[in-house]
Protein backbone atom coordinates (compact mmCIF):
# COMPACT_ATOMS: atom_id res chain seq x y z
CA MET A 1 0.18 138.37 101.70
CA GLU A 2 -2.37 135.64 102.39
CA ASN A 3 -5.79 136.92 103.50
CA ARG A 4 -7.60 135.24 106.41
CA TYR A 5 -11.15 136.47 107.04
CA ALA A 6 -12.78 136.45 110.48
CA VAL A 7 -15.12 133.53 111.21
CA HIS A 8 -18.23 133.45 113.40
CA PRO A 9 -18.20 130.79 116.18
CA GLU A 10 -21.50 129.38 114.90
CA GLN A 11 -19.73 128.47 111.66
CA VAL A 12 -16.82 126.82 113.45
CA LYS A 13 -19.17 124.33 115.12
CA ARG A 14 -19.69 122.73 111.69
CA PHE A 15 -16.09 122.91 110.39
CA THR A 16 -14.23 119.84 109.25
CA THR A 17 -10.60 119.41 110.29
CA GLU A 18 -9.46 120.74 106.91
CA GLU A 19 -11.67 123.84 107.20
CA LEU A 20 -10.48 124.50 110.76
CA ARG A 21 -6.86 124.35 109.66
CA ARG A 22 -7.49 126.50 106.57
CA HIS A 23 -8.91 129.36 108.64
CA PHE A 24 -6.82 129.25 111.83
CA HIS A 25 -3.62 127.28 111.21
CA ILE A 26 -0.49 128.85 109.68
CA PRO A 27 1.74 125.97 108.50
CA THR A 28 4.56 127.81 106.73
CA LEU A 29 6.31 130.92 108.03
CA PHE A 30 9.99 130.40 107.29
CA VAL A 31 11.30 129.82 103.77
CA SER A 32 14.93 130.66 103.00
CA GLY A 33 15.22 133.92 101.09
CA GLU A 34 11.55 134.84 101.50
CA LEU A 35 9.18 137.12 103.41
CA LYS A 36 5.82 135.42 104.11
CA LEU A 37 2.88 137.42 105.48
CA TYR A 38 -0.66 136.55 106.60
CA TYR A 39 -3.34 139.20 107.11
CA SER A 40 -5.93 138.25 109.73
CA HIS A 41 -9.20 140.16 109.98
CA GLU A 42 -9.15 139.33 113.70
CA ASP A 43 -8.20 142.85 114.87
CA ARG A 44 -6.41 143.33 111.52
CA VAL A 45 -3.21 141.69 112.72
CA VAL A 46 -0.45 140.75 110.29
CA ILE A 47 1.56 137.62 111.09
CA GLY A 48 4.75 136.84 109.25
CA GLY A 49 8.08 135.15 108.93
CA VAL A 50 11.29 136.46 107.37
CA MET A 51 14.22 134.13 106.66
CA PRO A 52 17.02 136.02 104.89
CA ALA A 53 19.48 133.76 103.13
CA ALA A 54 22.99 133.88 104.57
CA GLU A 55 25.36 136.27 102.77
CA ALA A 56 22.49 137.49 100.56
CA GLU A 57 20.92 140.90 100.18
CA PRO A 58 18.65 141.92 103.08
CA LEU A 59 14.91 141.40 102.78
CA LYS A 60 12.74 144.50 103.12
CA LEU A 61 9.48 144.62 105.08
CA ASP A 62 6.99 145.18 102.27
CA ALA A 63 3.36 144.16 101.83
CA GLY A 64 3.12 145.30 98.22
CA ASP A 65 -0.19 147.08 97.62
CA PHE A 66 -2.18 144.89 100.03
CA LEU A 67 -2.32 147.44 102.87
CA ARG A 68 -2.89 150.34 100.45
CA THR A 69 -0.44 152.50 102.40
CA GLU A 70 2.81 154.10 101.27
CA TYR A 71 4.87 151.76 103.49
CA PHE A 72 4.22 148.92 105.92
CA LEU A 73 4.50 150.84 109.21
CA GLU A 74 2.71 153.98 108.05
CA ARG A 75 -0.24 153.12 110.32
CA ARG A 76 1.15 150.08 112.13
CA GLU A 77 3.51 148.90 114.87
CA ILE A 78 5.39 145.59 114.92
CA GLY A 79 6.94 143.10 117.30
CA ILE A 80 9.76 140.86 116.06
CA VAL A 81 11.41 137.79 117.60
CA ASN A 82 14.41 136.03 116.10
CA VAL A 83 13.86 132.27 116.42
CA GLY A 84 16.86 131.28 114.28
CA GLY A 85 20.54 132.12 114.13
CA GLN A 86 21.97 135.59 114.71
CA GLY A 87 20.54 138.29 112.47
CA THR A 88 20.18 142.03 112.07
CA VAL A 89 17.10 144.22 111.71
CA THR A 90 17.90 147.66 110.30
CA VAL A 91 15.33 150.38 111.02
CA ASP A 92 15.78 153.55 108.94
CA GLY A 93 19.54 152.97 108.96
CA GLU A 94 19.91 151.93 112.63
CA ALA A 95 21.01 148.30 113.05
CA PHE A 96 19.79 145.98 115.83
CA VAL A 97 21.55 142.64 116.21
CA LEU A 98 19.18 139.93 117.47
CA GLU A 99 20.40 136.67 118.95
CA HIS A 100 18.16 133.61 119.29
CA LYS A 101 14.82 134.61 120.94
CA ASP A 102 15.70 138.31 121.27
CA PHE A 103 12.77 140.72 120.77
CA LEU A 104 12.52 144.01 118.89
CA TYR A 105 9.62 146.48 118.90
CA ILE A 106 9.28 149.07 116.13
CA GLY A 107 6.66 151.82 116.32
CA LEU A 108 4.73 153.39 113.48
CA GLY A 109 6.28 155.82 111.03
CA HIS A 110 9.46 153.93 110.10
CA GLU A 111 9.66 153.58 106.35
CA ASP A 112 12.67 151.31 105.85
CA VAL A 113 12.91 148.02 107.79
CA GLN A 114 15.32 145.38 106.50
CA PHE A 115 16.24 141.88 107.69
CA ALA A 116 19.59 140.11 107.24
CA SER A 117 21.21 136.91 108.47
CA SER A 118 24.72 136.78 109.87
CA SER A 119 27.15 134.17 108.59
CA GLY A 120 26.34 130.64 109.70
CA GLU A 121 22.83 129.57 110.69
CA GLU A 122 20.15 131.66 108.99
CA ALA A 123 18.05 133.99 111.12
CA LYS A 124 14.29 133.45 111.35
CA PHE A 125 12.42 136.61 112.21
CA TYR A 126 8.87 136.02 113.44
CA LEU A 127 6.71 139.14 113.36
CA VAL A 128 3.29 140.27 114.50
CA SER A 129 1.96 143.70 113.51
CA ALA A 130 -1.10 145.61 114.73
CA THR A 131 -2.61 148.94 113.76
CA ALA A 132 -1.32 151.91 115.77
CA HIS A 133 -2.35 155.48 116.54
CA ARG A 134 0.91 156.96 117.87
CA ALA A 135 4.65 156.34 117.66
CA TYR A 136 6.58 154.61 120.44
CA PRO A 137 10.39 154.25 120.43
CA THR A 138 12.09 151.32 118.79
CA GLN A 139 13.40 149.08 121.55
CA LYS A 140 15.26 145.77 121.78
CA ALA A 141 14.91 143.21 124.59
CA ALA A 142 17.57 140.49 124.83
CA ILE A 143 16.13 137.26 126.23
CA ALA A 144 19.29 136.73 128.31
CA GLU A 145 18.61 139.98 130.19
CA LEU A 146 14.94 139.31 130.99
CA THR A 147 13.57 137.83 134.21
CA PRO A 148 10.71 135.36 133.71
CA ASN A 149 7.71 134.66 135.89
CA HIS A 150 7.87 131.07 137.16
CA LEU A 151 4.45 129.47 136.96
CA GLY A 152 2.76 126.10 137.36
CA GLU A 153 3.16 122.93 139.37
CA ALA A 154 4.84 119.62 138.58
CA SER A 155 1.71 117.77 139.73
CA ALA A 156 -0.23 119.50 136.92
CA SER A 157 2.54 119.03 134.31
CA ASN A 158 2.61 122.79 133.61
CA VAL A 159 5.83 124.20 135.14
CA ARG A 160 6.83 127.03 132.80
CA ASN A 161 8.71 130.30 132.50
CA LEU A 162 6.69 133.26 131.22
CA TYR A 163 8.48 136.23 129.67
CA GLN A 164 6.25 139.31 129.27
CA VAL A 165 8.14 141.59 126.89
CA ILE A 166 5.88 144.05 125.03
CA HIS A 167 3.18 145.20 127.46
CA ALA A 168 2.14 148.08 129.71
CA ASN A 169 4.95 147.50 132.21
CA GLY A 170 7.60 146.54 129.66
CA ILE A 171 8.30 147.77 126.15
CA GLN A 172 5.55 150.29 125.41
CA SER A 173 3.22 149.98 122.43
CA CYS A 174 -0.20 151.14 121.28
CA GLN A 175 -2.04 147.83 121.53
CA LEU A 176 0.43 145.04 120.76
CA MET A 177 1.35 142.66 123.61
CA MET A 178 3.99 139.98 123.10
CA GLY A 179 6.13 137.50 124.97
CA ILE A 180 7.32 133.91 125.16
CA THR A 181 6.49 130.96 127.40
CA GLN A 182 8.91 128.03 127.83
CA LEU A 183 7.77 124.77 129.40
CA GLU A 184 10.31 122.87 131.45
CA THR A 185 11.25 119.25 130.78
CA ASN A 186 8.48 116.72 131.54
CA ASN A 187 5.84 119.47 131.45
CA THR A 188 3.35 119.70 128.61
CA TRP A 189 0.28 121.79 129.55
CA ASN A 190 -0.10 125.54 129.05
CA THR A 191 -2.94 127.86 130.02
CA MET A 192 -5.23 125.35 131.70
CA PRO A 193 -7.75 126.08 133.18
CA ALA A 194 -8.50 127.88 129.95
CA HIS A 195 -9.66 131.45 129.51
CA ILE A 196 -10.95 133.85 126.90
CA HIS A 197 -10.54 137.62 126.50
CA ASP A 198 -13.39 138.78 124.32
CA ARG A 199 -11.77 142.15 123.66
CA ARG A 200 -8.55 141.00 121.97
CA MET A 201 -7.32 138.25 119.69
CA GLU A 202 -4.17 136.19 120.17
CA VAL A 203 -1.64 134.35 118.02
CA TYR A 204 0.53 131.43 119.14
CA LEU A 205 3.77 130.40 117.42
CA TYR A 206 4.89 126.99 118.69
CA LEU A 207 8.65 126.38 118.99
CA ASP A 208 11.26 123.92 120.26
CA ILE A 209 9.20 120.91 119.15
CA GLU A 210 11.16 117.84 118.05
CA GLU A 211 10.50 116.51 114.56
CA ASP A 212 8.50 113.52 115.79
CA ALA A 213 6.58 115.51 118.46
CA ARG A 214 3.38 117.54 118.21
CA VAL A 215 1.32 120.01 120.23
CA PHE A 216 -2.46 119.73 120.43
CA HIS A 217 -3.79 123.30 120.42
CA PHE A 218 -7.29 123.55 121.87
CA MET A 219 -9.60 126.26 120.57
CA GLY A 220 -13.28 127.13 120.17
CA GLU A 221 -16.00 128.33 122.48
CA PRO A 222 -15.73 126.77 125.95
CA SER A 223 -18.87 124.72 125.26
CA GLU A 224 -17.71 123.70 121.75
CA THR A 225 -13.97 122.99 121.85
CA ARG A 226 -11.94 121.81 118.87
CA HIS A 227 -8.25 121.07 118.42
CA LEU A 228 -5.46 121.62 115.91
CA VAL A 229 -2.37 119.40 115.71
CA VAL A 230 0.69 121.60 115.16
CA ALA A 231 4.37 120.97 114.52
CA ASN A 232 7.47 123.06 115.12
CA GLU A 233 7.40 126.71 113.94
CA GLU A 234 3.70 126.59 113.06
CA ALA A 235 1.24 129.22 114.27
CA VAL A 236 -2.42 129.39 115.26
CA ILE A 237 -4.77 132.38 115.04
CA SER A 238 -7.04 132.55 118.09
CA PRO A 239 -10.20 134.69 117.79
CA ALA A 240 -11.35 136.72 120.78
CA TRP A 241 -14.24 134.30 121.46
CA SER A 242 -11.98 131.23 121.57
CA ILE A 243 -10.05 129.50 124.30
CA HIS A 244 -6.34 129.01 123.53
CA SER A 245 -4.62 126.23 125.36
CA GLY A 246 -2.38 123.35 124.47
CA SER A 247 -0.62 120.17 125.47
CA GLY A 248 2.30 118.51 123.76
CA THR A 249 3.79 115.06 123.42
CA ALA A 250 6.88 116.66 125.00
CA ASN A 251 7.78 120.07 126.42
CA TYR A 252 7.90 123.03 124.01
CA SER A 253 7.86 126.85 123.86
CA PHE A 254 5.44 129.30 122.30
CA ILE A 255 5.47 132.99 121.41
CA TRP A 256 2.18 134.68 122.20
CA ALA A 257 1.02 137.98 120.77
CA MET A 258 -2.22 139.86 121.39
CA ALA A 259 -3.97 142.92 119.98
CA GLY A 260 -7.37 144.48 120.46
CA GLU A 261 -9.40 146.67 122.76
CA ASN A 262 -7.73 146.07 126.12
CA TYR A 263 -4.07 146.58 127.02
CA THR A 264 -3.98 144.58 130.23
CA PHE A 265 -3.57 141.04 131.54
CA LYS A 266 -6.50 141.56 133.93
CA ASP A 267 -9.34 141.23 131.42
CA MET A 268 -9.22 137.43 131.16
CA ASP A 269 -12.40 135.45 131.81
CA PHE A 270 -11.38 132.06 133.21
CA VAL A 271 -13.44 129.01 132.31
CA PRO A 272 -14.07 126.48 135.13
CA MET A 273 -13.08 122.97 134.17
CA ASP A 274 -16.61 121.67 134.57
CA GLN A 275 -17.81 124.09 131.85
CA LEU A 276 -15.46 122.85 129.15
CA ARG A 277 -16.98 120.60 126.53
């Protein structure tokens, strides 16, 4: 488990590119045969990637002694998205088969969570975990069965499909909110005009980016913006005080996950374009 401490916005104003990336950028999530975890002090969220080797023993969700609990989900909930080939998540003996971009929510109290790849292309399980105060049922959401919200305009290069999966009107959780946004061909902008929600943090995992393409993720206070250049399957931690917007050299997708005080999409404070610096 890699530890990422929270950073005050006054510090970020003076960060170099290397310092900005060291605190907010997650470059490596998926390594064959490994479980990689990052602990963020922004709302104590854990971000991770699990890539079980094909035809190998399953990998168990385990943070060692970092959380100082008996097991990972003793006081936590978790959202999982498979961004690789077909795989299986087994929760206390119950198996859930996840195809590409299928979601799974697991509530607190489950002691044994294991990840396995099917034969063929290895599965890549992306996970985000938040602290929890009560147990909600384990529930799967297949991407093929979900109906997206169609947003944006071609004139603004931001036509996209938004899937809200774990939220108040979807799969229930304590505080975790999670979904995926897919930009259509020839569209590159997401979440502009920008906004902040000072009561919850957010994490972006960027996907479907060609090898020679990049996304420019914009962050920082509205009056002090910075950017991170990210490649495929790389993530960005967004503090509650920061905008979180991006534009790519081609269209892409991203998985968003939020945790914090508010459990609603109505607490966003939009930033007028003339206030961005």
